[in-house]
Amino acid sequence: MREFLTKHKIGILGVFLGGILGFAYYFFIGCETGTCAITSKPFNSSVYGMVMGYLMFSMFDNSKIQKEA
């Protein structure tokens, strides 16, 4: 388990921060009418934030880059 966490720490950090920011977006901005697909429910906006956070932070993960000989 510890090996998994150390190997994927940047992606996990992105998921964690993305979830917090997604929920904050719902809480502070949100959708007043309830017709917005992403921001109408806190679960939807949190999951969307988690996905976006992982994708953004995984750009900075250097362990997946192959080194040339």
N, C-alpha and C. Protein backbone atom coordinates (compact mmCIF):
# COMPACT_ATOMS: atom_id res chain seq x y z
N MET A 1 0.82 -1.19 0.00
CA MET A 1 0.00 0.00 0.00
C MET A 1 0.87 1.26 0.00
N ARG A 2 1.92 1.22 0.80
CA ARG A 2 2.82 2.38 0.89
C ARG A 2 3.51 2.63 -0.44
N GLU A 3 3.85 1.54 -1.14
CA GLU A 3 4.50 1.68 -2.45
C GLU A 3 3.55 2.34 -3.46
N PHE A 4 2.28 1.94 -3.41
CA PHE A 4 1.28 2.54 -4.30
C PHE A 4 1.14 4.03 -4.02
N LEU A 5 1.08 4.40 -2.75
CA LEU A 5 0.91 5.81 -2.38
C LEU A 5 2.11 6.65 -2.80
N THR A 6 3.31 6.12 -2.63
CA THR A 6 4.48 6.90 -3.02
C THR A 6 4.62 6.98 -4.53
N LYS A 7 4.17 5.96 -5.24
CA LYS A 7 4.27 5.97 -6.70
C LYS A 7 3.26 6.94 -7.33
N HIS A 8 2.08 7.05 -6.73
CA HIS A 8 1.00 7.86 -7.30
C HIS A 8 0.65 9.08 -6.46
N LYS A 9 1.60 9.62 -5.72
CA LYS A 9 1.30 10.71 -4.79
C LYS A 9 0.84 11.98 -5.50
N ILE A 10 1.35 12.26 -6.68
CA ILE A 10 0.94 13.48 -7.39
C ILE A 10 -0.50 13.35 -7.88
N GLY A 11 -0.87 12.19 -8.41
CA GLY A 11 -2.24 11.97 -8.85
C GLY A 11 -3.24 11.99 -7.71
N ILE A 12 -2.86 11.41 -6.58
CA ILE A 12 -3.74 11.40 -5.40
C ILE A 12 -3.93 12.81 -4.87
N LEU A 13 -2.85 13.58 -4.87
CA LEU A 13 -2.95 14.98 -4.44
C LEU A 13 -3.89 15.76 -5.37
N GLY A 14 -3.80 15.51 -6.67
CA GLY A 14 -4.68 16.17 -7.63
C GLY A 14 -6.14 15.81 -7.42
N VAL A 15 -6.41 14.54 -7.13
CA VAL A 15 -7.79 14.10 -6.87
C VAL A 15 -8.33 14.77 -5.61
N PHE A 16 -7.51 14.82 -4.58
CA PHE A 16 -7.93 15.40 -3.31
C PHE A 16 -8.22 16.90 -3.46
N LEU A 17 -7.30 17.64 -4.04
CA LEU A 17 -7.50 19.08 -4.21
C LEU A 17 -8.62 19.38 -5.21
N GLY A 18 -8.72 18.58 -6.25
CA GLY A 18 -9.80 18.77 -7.23
C GLY A 18 -11.17 18.57 -6.62
N GLY A 19 -11.29 17.57 -5.75
CA GLY A 19 -12.57 17.34 -5.07
C GLY A 19 -12.96 18.50 -4.17
N ILE A 20 -11.98 19.03 -3.45
CA ILE A 20 -12.25 20.19 -2.59
C ILE A 20 -12.65 21.40 -3.42
N LEU A 21 -11.92 21.66 -4.50
CA LEU A 21 -12.25 22.81 -5.34
C LEU A 21 -13.57 22.63 -6.08
N GLY A 22 -13.89 21.39 -6.47
CA GLY A 22 -15.18 21.12 -7.11
C GLY A 22 -16.34 21.39 -6.17
N PHE A 23 -16.20 20.95 -4.92
CA PHE A 23 -17.26 21.22 -3.94
C PHE A 23 -17.34 22.70 -3.62
N ALA A 24 -16.19 23.38 -3.55
CA ALA A 24 -16.20 24.82 -3.29
C ALA A 24 -16.88 25.56 -4.43
N TYR A 25 -16.69 25.10 -5.66
CA TYR A 25 -17.36 25.72 -6.80
C TYR A 25 -18.87 25.56 -6.66
N TYR A 26 -19.32 24.37 -6.28
CA TYR A 26 -20.76 24.15 -6.07
C TYR A 26 -21.28 25.05 -4.95
N PHE A 27 -20.55 25.14 -3.87
CA PHE A 27 -21.01 25.86 -2.69
C PHE A 27 -21.08 27.37 -2.93
N PHE A 28 -20.04 27.93 -3.55
CA PHE A 28 -19.98 29.38 -3.70
C PHE A 28 -20.62 29.89 -4.99
N ILE A 29 -20.54 29.14 -6.06
CA ILE A 29 -21.08 29.60 -7.34
C ILE A 29 -22.33 28.82 -7.69
N GLY A 30 -22.18 27.50 -7.86
CA GLY A 30 -23.32 26.61 -8.05
C GLY A 30 -24.26 26.97 -9.18
N CYS A 31 -25.45 26.43 -9.11
CA CYS A 31 -26.47 26.64 -10.12
C CYS A 31 -27.79 26.90 -9.40
N GLU A 32 -28.34 28.07 -9.58
CA GLU A 32 -29.56 28.45 -8.85
C GLU A 32 -30.80 27.73 -9.36
N THR A 33 -30.85 27.43 -10.65
CA THR A 33 -32.07 26.84 -11.21
C THR A 33 -32.09 25.32 -11.08
N GLY A 34 -30.94 24.69 -10.88
CA GLY A 34 -30.89 23.24 -10.79
C GLY A 34 -30.85 22.54 -12.12
N THR A 35 -30.68 23.27 -13.21
CA THR A 35 -30.65 22.66 -14.53
C THR A 35 -29.24 22.43 -15.06
N CYS A 36 -28.24 22.89 -14.34
CA CYS A 36 -26.85 22.69 -14.77
C CYS A 36 -26.44 21.26 -14.47
N ALA A 37 -25.85 20.60 -15.44
CA ALA A 37 -25.52 19.18 -15.29
C ALA A 37 -24.43 18.95 -14.25
N ILE A 38 -23.43 19.79 -14.22
CA ILE A 38 -22.29 19.55 -13.34
C ILE A 38 -22.48 20.22 -11.99
N THR A 39 -22.94 21.42 -11.95
CA THR A 39 -22.96 22.19 -10.70
C THR A 39 -24.29 22.15 -9.96
N SER A 40 -25.24 21.35 -10.40
CA SER A 40 -26.53 21.33 -9.71
C SER A 40 -26.50 20.49 -8.43
N LYS A 41 -25.56 19.54 -8.34
CA LYS A 41 -25.44 18.68 -7.16
C LYS A 41 -24.00 18.69 -6.68
N PRO A 42 -23.78 18.62 -5.37
CA PRO A 42 -22.40 18.65 -4.88
C PRO A 42 -21.60 17.41 -5.28
N PHE A 43 -22.24 16.27 -5.42
CA PHE A 43 -21.52 15.06 -5.83
C PHE A 43 -20.98 15.22 -7.24
N ASN A 44 -21.80 15.73 -8.15
CA ASN A 44 -21.37 15.89 -9.54
C ASN A 44 -20.19 16.85 -9.65
N SER A 45 -20.28 17.98 -8.99
CA SER A 45 -19.20 18.96 -9.09
C SER A 45 -17.93 18.46 -8.41
N SER A 46 -18.06 17.69 -7.33
CA SER A 46 -16.88 17.15 -6.66
C SER A 46 -16.18 16.10 -7.52
N VAL A 47 -16.95 15.21 -8.12
CA VAL A 47 -16.36 14.19 -8.99
C VAL A 47 -15.72 14.84 -10.22
N TYR A 48 -16.37 15.82 -10.80
CA TYR A 48 -15.79 16.53 -11.94
C TYR A 48 -14.49 17.21 -11.53
N GLY A 49 -14.47 17.81 -10.36
CA GLY A 49 -13.24 18.43 -9.86
C GLY A 49 -12.15 17.41 -9.63
N MET A 50 -12.51 16.22 -9.13
CA MET A 50 -11.52 15.16 -8.92
C MET A 50 -10.89 14.71 -10.24
N VAL A 51 -11.72 14.53 -11.24
CA VAL A 51 -11.20 14.11 -12.55
C VAL A 51 -10.30 15.18 -13.14
N MET A 52 -10.74 16.42 -13.08
CA MET A 52 -9.93 17.52 -13.62
C MET A 52 -8.64 17.70 -12.82
N GLY A 53 -8.71 17.53 -11.51
CA GLY A 53 -7.52 17.63 -10.68
C GLY A 53 -6.51 16.55 -11.01
N TYR A 54 -6.99 15.32 -11.20
CA TYR A 54 -6.08 14.24 -11.56
C TYR A 54 -5.43 14.50 -12.91
N LEU A 55 -6.23 14.92 -13.88
CA LEU A 55 -5.67 15.18 -15.21
C LEU A 55 -4.66 16.32 -15.18
N MET A 56 -4.94 17.35 -14.43
CA MET A 56 -4.03 18.49 -14.37
C MET A 56 -2.73 18.12 -13.65
N PHE A 57 -2.84 17.44 -12.52
CA PHE A 57 -1.64 17.12 -11.76
C PHE A 57 -0.83 16.00 -12.41
N SER A 58 -1.47 15.12 -13.18
CA SER A 58 -0.73 14.04 -13.82
C SER A 58 0.18 14.56 -14.93
N MET A 59 -0.03 15.78 -15.38
CA MET A 59 0.87 16.37 -16.36
C MET A 59 2.26 16.58 -15.78
N PHE A 60 2.36 16.73 -14.46
CA PHE A 60 3.63 17.01 -13.80
C PHE A 60 4.30 15.75 -13.25
N ASP A 61 3.76 14.58 -13.55
CA ASP A 61 4.32 13.33 -13.04
C ASP A 61 5.45 12.89 -13.98
N ASN A 62 6.68 12.98 -13.52
CA ASN A 62 7.84 12.65 -14.34
C ASN A 62 8.18 11.17 -14.32
N SER A 63 7.55 10.38 -13.48
CA SER A 63 7.90 8.96 -13.39
C SER A 63 7.43 8.17 -14.60
N LYS A 64 6.49 8.68 -15.37
CA LYS A 64 5.98 7.97 -16.52
C LYS A 64 6.74 8.31 -17.81
N ILE A 65 7.66 9.24 -17.74
CA ILE A 65 8.44 9.64 -18.90
C ILE A 65 9.60 8.66 -19.07
N GLN A 66 9.72 8.12 -20.28
CA GLN A 66 10.82 7.19 -20.54
C GLN A 66 12.08 7.97 -20.80
N LYS A 67 13.13 7.52 -20.19
CA LYS A 67 14.41 8.19 -20.37
C LYS A 67 15.16 7.56 -21.53
N GLU A 68 15.71 8.43 -22.36
CA GLU A 68 16.47 7.93 -23.50
C GLU A 68 17.86 7.53 -23.07
N ALA A 69 18.37 6.49 -23.73
CA ALA A 69 19.71 5.99 -23.38
C ALA A 69 20.81 6.80 -24.05
